Amino acid sequence: MRKKKVVETIGAFLGSDSEFEGRLSFQGTIRIDGRYKGSISVDGTLIVGPSGRLNADINASNMVISGEVTGNMTAKTNIEVHASGKVYGNLVAPTVTIHTGAVFHGHCHSGKKREESQDSQPRIHTVIREAPSDETSKEDDEVIKSA
């Protein structure tokens, strides 16, 4: 039995020679191969092509990154960064895939949100580190000994 292939049509396209700045809000699928600066809100899929260069905070259902994005990205379903992709910012999505060869500098939060419960109280960790012996002064020795 053959699997049916789901094909999404691209509703908007910014070509590699285009440059846009502002606020973009869209439903469906959009592909950006040009330059964009601002904010993006997509109820659907955002595709950043290999020549795409975005400096934006992005909210979308799904994201596929093959170009360069600087900014924070939040997705309802998934974020996928292809090998040619470069991401400089934070990623938040239930599923995040970063392919080998991709560049990622930022923080990533993926998976289900942690349920609030009594066991999820913040934990405090204390780290005590001794100074190397050659850096400890006589005053420090006295404080350590008297403690």
N, C-alpha and C. Protein backbone atom coordinates (compact mmCIF):
# COMPACT_ATOMS: atom_id res chain seq x y z
N MET A 1 0.83 -1.17 0.00
CA MET A 1 0.00 0.00 0.00
C MET A 1 0.89 1.25 0.00
N ARG A 2 0.57 2.21 -0.84
CA ARG A 2 1.33 3.44 -0.93
C ARG A 2 0.86 4.45 0.11
N LYS A 3 1.82 5.19 0.64
CA LYS A 3 1.47 6.27 1.55
C LYS A 3 1.07 7.48 0.72
N LYS A 4 0.06 8.17 1.18
CA LYS A 4 -0.35 9.40 0.51
C LYS A 4 0.58 10.52 0.94
N LYS A 5 1.04 11.27 -0.03
CA LYS A 5 1.93 12.38 0.24
C LYS A 5 1.09 13.64 0.43
N VAL A 6 1.31 14.32 1.55
CA VAL A 6 0.60 15.56 1.82
C VAL A 6 1.41 16.71 1.25
N VAL A 7 0.78 17.47 0.38
CA VAL A 7 1.45 18.60 -0.25
C VAL A 7 0.73 19.88 0.16
N GLU A 8 1.49 20.78 0.79
CA GLU A 8 0.94 22.07 1.16
C GLU A 8 1.28 23.08 0.07
N THR A 9 0.32 23.86 -0.32
CA THR A 9 0.61 24.90 -1.29
C THR A 9 1.11 26.14 -0.56
N ILE A 10 2.07 26.80 -1.17
CA ILE A 10 2.64 28.00 -0.58
C ILE A 10 1.74 29.17 -0.93
N GLY A 11 1.21 29.83 0.10
CA GLY A 11 0.29 30.95 -0.09
C GLY A 11 0.99 32.27 -0.30
N ALA A 12 2.23 32.40 0.18
CA ALA A 12 3.00 33.64 0.01
C ALA A 12 4.47 33.29 -0.15
N PHE A 13 5.15 34.10 -0.93
CA PHE A 13 6.55 33.82 -1.23
C PHE A 13 7.30 35.14 -1.34
N LEU A 14 8.37 35.29 -0.57
CA LEU A 14 9.27 36.44 -0.71
C LEU A 14 10.55 35.92 -1.35
N GLY A 15 10.78 36.28 -2.60
CA GLY A 15 11.93 35.78 -3.35
C GLY A 15 13.26 36.29 -2.85
N SER A 16 14.33 35.72 -3.40
CA SER A 16 15.68 36.03 -2.92
C SER A 16 16.08 37.48 -3.17
N ASP A 17 15.44 38.16 -4.11
CA ASP A 17 15.76 39.56 -4.38
C ASP A 17 14.91 40.53 -3.58
N SER A 18 14.01 40.01 -2.74
CA SER A 18 13.11 40.89 -1.99
C SER A 18 13.68 41.22 -0.61
N GLU A 19 13.26 42.39 -0.12
CA GLU A 19 13.65 42.84 1.22
C GLU A 19 12.42 43.50 1.83
N PHE A 20 12.11 43.09 3.08
CA PHE A 20 10.89 43.57 3.71
C PHE A 20 11.14 43.83 5.18
N GLU A 21 10.52 44.88 5.71
CA GLU A 21 10.63 45.19 7.13
C GLU A 21 9.25 45.52 7.66
N GLY A 22 8.92 44.99 8.84
CA GLY A 22 7.62 45.29 9.44
C GLY A 22 7.07 44.13 10.24
N ARG A 23 5.76 44.02 10.19
CA ARG A 23 5.05 42.97 10.94
C ARG A 23 4.28 42.13 9.93
N LEU A 24 4.55 40.83 9.92
CA LEU A 24 3.92 39.92 8.97
C LEU A 24 3.02 38.95 9.72
N SER A 25 1.76 38.89 9.32
CA SER A 25 0.80 37.97 9.91
C SER A 25 0.16 37.20 8.77
N PHE A 26 0.12 35.87 8.88
CA PHE A 26 -0.30 35.07 7.74
C PHE A 26 -0.93 33.76 8.19
N GLN A 27 -1.85 33.23 7.38
CA GLN A 27 -2.41 31.89 7.60
C GLN A 27 -2.00 31.02 6.42
N GLY A 28 -1.65 29.78 6.71
CA GLY A 28 -1.23 28.87 5.64
C GLY A 28 0.28 28.70 5.66
N THR A 29 0.87 28.59 4.47
CA THR A 29 2.31 28.37 4.34
C THR A 29 2.94 29.55 3.65
N ILE A 30 4.06 30.02 4.20
CA ILE A 30 4.81 31.12 3.60
C ILE A 30 6.26 30.70 3.49
N ARG A 31 6.89 31.06 2.38
CA ARG A 31 8.31 30.79 2.19
C ARG A 31 9.02 32.12 1.99
N ILE A 32 10.14 32.28 2.73
CA ILE A 32 10.93 33.50 2.62
C ILE A 32 12.35 33.13 2.17
N ASP A 33 12.73 33.63 0.99
CA ASP A 33 14.08 33.43 0.48
C ASP A 33 14.86 34.74 0.45
N GLY A 34 14.21 35.83 0.79
CA GLY A 34 14.85 37.15 0.79
C GLY A 34 15.22 37.57 2.21
N ARG A 35 15.29 38.88 2.40
CA ARG A 35 15.65 39.45 3.70
C ARG A 35 14.38 40.00 4.36
N TYR A 36 14.28 39.76 5.68
CA TYR A 36 13.11 40.23 6.42
C TYR A 36 13.56 40.67 7.80
N LYS A 37 13.00 41.79 8.27
CA LYS A 37 13.29 42.28 9.62
C LYS A 37 11.97 42.70 10.26
N GLY A 38 11.70 42.22 11.47
CA GLY A 38 10.48 42.59 12.18
C GLY A 38 9.94 41.45 13.01
N SER A 39 8.62 41.25 12.94
CA SER A 39 8.00 40.14 13.67
C SER A 39 7.13 39.36 12.69
N ILE A 40 7.00 38.06 12.96
CA ILE A 40 6.22 37.18 12.08
C ILE A 40 5.29 36.34 12.94
N SER A 41 4.03 36.28 12.53
CA SER A 41 3.04 35.42 13.18
C SER A 41 2.34 34.63 12.08
N VAL A 42 2.52 33.31 12.09
CA VAL A 42 1.97 32.47 11.05
C VAL A 42 1.13 31.37 11.68
N ASP A 43 -0.14 31.31 11.27
CA ASP A 43 -0.99 30.20 11.67
C ASP A 43 -0.84 29.16 10.57
N GLY A 44 0.27 28.46 10.62
CA GLY A 44 0.62 27.50 9.57
C GLY A 44 2.12 27.28 9.59
N THR A 45 2.70 27.13 8.40
CA THR A 45 4.11 26.77 8.28
C THR A 45 4.93 27.92 7.70
N LEU A 46 6.06 28.20 8.34
CA LEU A 46 7.03 29.16 7.84
C LEU A 46 8.22 28.38 7.31
N ILE A 47 8.58 28.64 6.06
CA ILE A 47 9.76 28.01 5.45
C ILE A 47 10.76 29.13 5.17
N VAL A 48 11.97 28.99 5.69
CA VAL A 48 13.04 29.93 5.40
C VAL A 48 13.99 29.21 4.46
N GLY A 49 14.01 29.64 3.20
CA GLY A 49 14.85 28.99 2.20
C GLY A 49 16.33 29.25 2.43
N PRO A 50 17.20 28.56 1.70
CA PRO A 50 18.65 28.69 1.90
C PRO A 50 19.18 30.11 1.77
N SER A 51 18.55 30.94 0.95
CA SER A 51 19.03 32.32 0.80
C SER A 51 18.28 33.29 1.72
N GLY A 52 17.37 32.79 2.53
CA GLY A 52 16.60 33.63 3.45
C GLY A 52 17.45 34.13 4.61
N ARG A 53 17.29 35.41 4.94
CA ARG A 53 17.99 36.03 6.07
C ARG A 53 16.96 36.80 6.86
N LEU A 54 16.60 36.29 8.05
CA LEU A 54 15.57 36.91 8.87
C LEU A 54 16.17 37.43 10.18
N ASN A 55 15.72 38.60 10.58
CA ASN A 55 16.03 39.15 11.90
C ASN A 55 14.66 39.43 12.50
N ALA A 56 14.09 38.42 13.18
CA ALA A 56 12.70 38.53 13.60
C ALA A 56 12.39 37.63 14.78
N ASP A 57 11.40 38.05 15.56
CA ASP A 57 10.79 37.16 16.55
C ASP A 57 9.62 36.50 15.85
N ILE A 58 9.55 35.17 15.95
CA ILE A 58 8.61 34.41 15.12
C ILE A 58 7.73 33.51 15.98
N ASN A 59 6.43 33.53 15.68
CA ASN A 59 5.47 32.58 16.23
C ASN A 59 4.80 31.89 15.05
N ALA A 60 4.81 30.56 15.04
CA ALA A 60 4.21 29.80 13.94
C ALA A 60 3.78 28.44 14.44
N SER A 61 3.02 27.75 13.62
CA SER A 61 2.66 26.37 13.97
C SER A 61 3.85 25.46 13.72
N ASN A 62 4.49 25.61 12.56
CA ASN A 62 5.64 24.81 12.17
C ASN A 62 6.67 25.72 11.52
N MET A 63 7.95 25.35 11.65
CA MET A 63 9.01 26.11 11.00
C MET A 63 10.03 25.15 10.41
N VAL A 64 10.47 25.48 9.20
CA VAL A 64 11.54 24.75 8.53
C VAL A 64 12.58 25.79 8.14
N ILE A 65 13.78 25.67 8.71
CA ILE A 65 14.82 26.69 8.53
C ILE A 65 15.98 26.11 7.73
N SER A 66 16.21 26.68 6.55
CA SER A 66 17.38 26.31 5.75
C SER A 66 18.31 27.50 5.56
N GLY A 67 17.84 28.70 5.91
CA GLY A 67 18.63 29.92 5.80
C GLY A 67 19.11 30.36 7.17
N GLU A 68 19.19 31.68 7.36
CA GLU A 68 19.70 32.24 8.61
C GLU A 68 18.61 33.04 9.32
N VAL A 69 18.43 32.74 10.62
CA VAL A 69 17.43 33.45 11.42
C VAL A 69 18.08 33.94 12.71
N THR A 70 17.90 35.22 12.98
CA THR A 70 18.34 35.81 14.24
C THR A 70 17.08 36.29 14.96
N GLY A 71 16.83 35.73 16.13
CA GLY A 71 15.63 36.10 16.90
C GLY A 71 15.07 34.89 17.62
N ASN A 72 14.04 35.11 18.38
CA ASN A 72 13.41 34.03 19.15
C ASN A 72 12.28 33.42 18.35
N MET A 73 12.20 32.08 18.39
CA MET A 73 11.20 31.36 17.62
C MET A 73 10.37 30.45 18.52
N THR A 74 9.06 30.53 18.39
CA THR A 74 8.14 29.69 19.14
C THR A 74 7.21 29.00 18.15
N ALA A 75 7.08 27.69 18.26
CA ALA A 75 6.21 26.93 17.36
C ALA A 75 5.24 26.08 18.17
N LYS A 76 4.02 25.94 17.65
CA LYS A 76 3.01 25.10 18.31
C LYS A 76 3.32 23.62 18.15
N THR A 77 3.93 23.25 17.01
CA THR A 77 4.17 21.83 16.73
C THR A 77 5.65 21.49 16.65
N ASN A 78 6.36 22.07 15.66
CA ASN A 78 7.77 21.70 15.54
C ASN A 78 8.60 22.78 14.84
N ILE A 79 9.90 22.71 15.13
CA ILE A 79 10.91 23.54 14.47
C ILE A 79 11.96 22.58 13.93
N GLU A 80 12.28 22.73 12.64
CA GLU A 80 13.30 21.89 12.03
C GLU A 80 14.35 22.79 11.40
N VAL A 81 15.62 22.58 11.78
CA VAL A 81 16.72 23.37 11.25
C VAL A 81 17.56 22.42 10.38
N HIS A 82 17.56 22.68 9.08
CA HIS A 82 18.31 21.83 8.14
C HIS A 82 19.80 22.10 8.25
N ALA A 83 20.60 21.26 7.61
CA ALA A 83 22.06 21.36 7.70
C ALA A 83 22.58 22.72 7.26
N SER A 84 21.91 23.36 6.31
CA SER A 84 22.35 24.67 5.83
C SER A 84 21.83 25.81 6.71
N GLY A 85 21.01 25.49 7.71
CA GLY A 85 20.39 26.51 8.55
C GLY A 85 21.32 27.06 9.61
N LYS A 86 21.09 28.34 9.93
CA LYS A 86 21.83 29.01 11.01
C LYS A 86 20.81 29.73 11.87
N VAL A 87 20.80 29.42 13.15
CA VAL A 87 19.85 30.02 14.08
C VAL A 87 20.62 30.67 15.23
N TYR A 88 20.35 31.96 15.44
CA TYR A 88 20.95 32.71 16.53
C TYR A 88 19.81 33.26 17.38
N GLY A 89 19.38 32.47 18.35
CA GLY A 89 18.26 32.86 19.20
C GLY A 89 17.70 31.65 19.90
N ASN A 90 16.61 31.83 20.59
CA ASN A 90 16.01 30.77 21.39
C ASN A 90 14.89 30.06 20.63
N LEU A 91 14.80 28.74 20.85
CA LEU A 91 13.79 27.91 20.21
C LEU A 91 12.87 27.32 21.27
N VAL A 92 11.56 27.40 21.04
CA VAL A 92 10.58 26.79 21.94
C VAL A 92 9.56 26.06 21.08
N ALA A 93 9.43 24.74 21.27
CA ALA A 93 8.46 23.94 20.52
C ALA A 93 8.39 22.55 21.14
N PRO A 94 7.27 21.85 20.96
CA PRO A 94 7.19 20.48 21.47
C PRO A 94 8.25 19.57 20.84
N THR A 95 8.56 19.79 19.54
CA THR A 95 9.57 19.00 18.85
C THR A 95 10.54 19.94 18.16
N VAL A 96 11.84 19.77 18.42
CA VAL A 96 12.88 20.56 17.76
C VAL A 96 13.87 19.58 17.15
N THR A 97 14.13 19.75 15.85
CA THR A 97 15.10 18.91 15.15
C THR A 97 16.18 19.79 14.56
N ILE A 98 17.42 19.53 14.92
CA ILE A 98 18.55 20.28 14.39
C ILE A 98 19.45 19.27 13.67
N HIS A 99 19.52 19.38 12.35
CA HIS A 99 20.29 18.44 11.55
C HIS A 99 21.79 18.68 11.68
N THR A 100 22.56 17.63 11.46
CA THR A 100 24.01 17.72 11.51
C THR A 100 24.49 18.75 10.50
N GLY A 101 25.35 19.64 10.93
CA GLY A 101 25.89 20.67 10.07
C GLY A 101 25.23 22.03 10.29
N ALA A 102 24.07 22.04 10.93
CA ALA A 102 23.38 23.30 11.21
C ALA A 102 24.13 24.06 12.30
N VAL A 103 23.94 25.38 12.32
CA VAL A 103 24.53 26.23 13.35
C VAL A 103 23.40 26.67 14.26
N PHE A 104 23.60 26.51 15.57
CA PHE A 104 22.59 26.94 16.54
C PHE A 104 23.29 27.56 17.73
N HIS A 105 22.98 28.82 18.00
CA HIS A 105 23.48 29.53 19.18
C HIS A 105 22.28 30.09 19.91
N GLY A 106 21.97 29.51 21.06
CA GLY A 106 20.82 29.97 21.85
C GLY A 106 20.39 28.91 22.82
N HIS A 107 19.19 29.05 23.33
CA HIS A 107 18.61 28.09 24.25
C HIS A 107 17.46 27.38 23.54
N CYS A 108 17.25 26.14 23.94
CA CYS A 108 16.20 25.34 23.31
C CYS A 108 15.34 24.71 24.39
N HIS A 109 14.02 24.89 24.26
CA HIS A 109 13.06 24.25 25.15
C HIS A 109 12.15 23.41 24.28
N SER A 110 12.18 22.09 24.49
CA SER A 110 11.32 21.22 23.70
C SER A 110 10.67 20.19 24.60
N GLY A 111 9.65 19.55 24.08
CA GLY A 111 8.90 18.57 24.85
C GLY A 111 7.66 19.19 25.44
N LYS A 112 6.98 18.41 26.23
CA LYS A 112 5.75 18.89 26.87
C LYS A 112 6.11 19.83 28.00
N LYS A 113 5.20 20.77 28.28
CA LYS A 113 5.42 21.67 29.40
C LYS A 113 5.33 20.88 30.70
N ARG A 114 6.17 21.24 31.63
CA ARG A 114 6.19 20.57 32.93
C ARG A 114 4.92 20.92 33.68
N GLU A 115 4.24 19.91 34.16
CA GLU A 115 3.00 20.11 34.91
C GLU A 115 3.33 20.69 36.27
N GLU A 116 2.56 21.65 36.68
CA GLU A 116 2.75 22.23 38.01
C GLU A 116 2.24 21.23 39.04
N SER A 117 3.08 20.92 39.99
CA SER A 117 2.68 20.01 41.06
C SER A 117 3.46 20.36 42.31
N GLN A 118 3.14 19.68 43.39
CA GLN A 118 3.85 19.94 44.63
C GLN A 118 5.31 19.53 44.53
N ASP A 119 5.59 18.51 43.69
CA ASP A 119 6.95 18.04 43.54
C ASP A 119 7.81 18.95 42.68
N SER A 120 7.19 19.92 42.01
CA SER A 120 7.95 20.76 41.10
C SER A 120 8.35 22.09 41.73
N GLN A 121 8.54 22.09 43.03
CA GLN A 121 8.99 23.30 43.72
C GLN A 121 10.41 23.61 43.26
N PRO A 122 10.76 24.87 43.16
CA PRO A 122 12.12 25.22 42.75
C PRO A 122 13.13 24.64 43.73
N ARG A 123 14.22 24.19 43.21
CA ARG A 123 15.28 23.64 44.05
C ARG A 123 16.44 24.60 44.05
N ILE A 124 17.04 24.76 45.21
CA ILE A 124 18.18 25.65 45.35
C ILE A 124 19.42 24.80 45.48
N HIS A 125 20.40 25.07 44.63
CA HIS A 125 21.67 24.35 44.68
C HIS A 125 22.75 25.33 45.14
N THR A 126 23.55 24.88 46.09
CA THR A 126 24.65 25.70 46.57
C THR A 126 25.95 25.03 46.16
N VAL A 127 26.80 25.79 45.52
CA VAL A 127 28.09 25.26 45.09
C VAL A 127 29.16 25.99 45.89
N ILE A 128 30.00 25.22 46.57
CA ILE A 128 31.10 25.80 47.34
C ILE A 128 32.39 25.31 46.71
N ARG A 129 33.23 26.24 46.34
CA ARG A 129 34.47 25.90 45.67
C ARG A 129 35.63 26.48 46.47
N GLU A 130 36.62 25.66 46.74
CA GLU A 130 37.79 26.14 47.46
C GLU A 130 38.71 26.85 46.49
N ALA A 131 39.33 27.91 46.96
CA ALA A 131 40.32 28.61 46.14
C ALA A 131 41.57 27.76 46.10
N PRO A 132 42.29 27.79 44.99
CA PRO A 132 43.57 27.07 44.93
C PRO A 132 44.49 27.57 46.03
N SER A 133 45.30 26.69 46.58
CA SER A 133 46.10 27.02 47.76
C SER A 133 47.05 28.19 47.53
N ASP A 134 47.56 28.37 46.32
CA ASP A 134 48.49 29.46 46.09
C ASP A 134 47.79 30.82 46.03
N GLU A 135 46.43 30.84 45.91
CA GLU A 135 45.70 32.10 45.85
C GLU A 135 45.10 32.48 47.22
N THR A 136 45.18 31.60 48.19
CA THR A 136 44.58 31.86 49.49
C THR A 136 45.51 32.73 50.32
N SER A 137 44.99 33.84 50.81
CA SER A 137 45.82 34.75 51.61
C SER A 137 45.77 34.32 53.08
N LYS A 138 46.61 34.94 53.89
CA LYS A 138 46.61 34.62 55.31
C LYS A 138 45.29 35.00 55.95
N GLU A 139 44.67 36.10 55.50
CA GLU A 139 43.37 36.51 56.05
C GLU A 139 42.32 35.46 55.75
N ASP A 140 42.36 34.91 54.52
CA ASP A 140 41.42 33.86 54.15
C ASP A 140 41.63 32.63 55.02
N ASP A 141 42.91 32.30 55.30
CA ASP A 141 43.21 31.15 56.14
C ASP A 141 42.58 31.33 57.52
N GLU A 142 42.67 32.53 58.06
CA GLU A 142 42.13 32.79 59.37
C GLU A 142 40.60 32.66 59.37
N VAL A 143 39.96 33.14 58.31
CA VAL A 143 38.51 33.04 58.22
C VAL A 143 38.09 31.58 58.09
N ILE A 144 38.81 30.84 57.28
CA ILE A 144 38.48 29.44 57.07
C ILE A 144 38.66 28.66 58.36
N LYS A 145 39.77 28.93 59.09
CA LYS A 145 40.03 28.22 60.31
C LYS A 145 39.04 28.56 61.40
N SER A 146 38.59 29.81 61.43
CA SER A 146 37.68 30.20 62.49
C SER A 146 36.24 29.80 62.21
N ALA A 147 35.95 29.40 60.99
CA ALA A 147 34.57 29.07 60.62
C ALA A 147 34.11 27.78 61.19
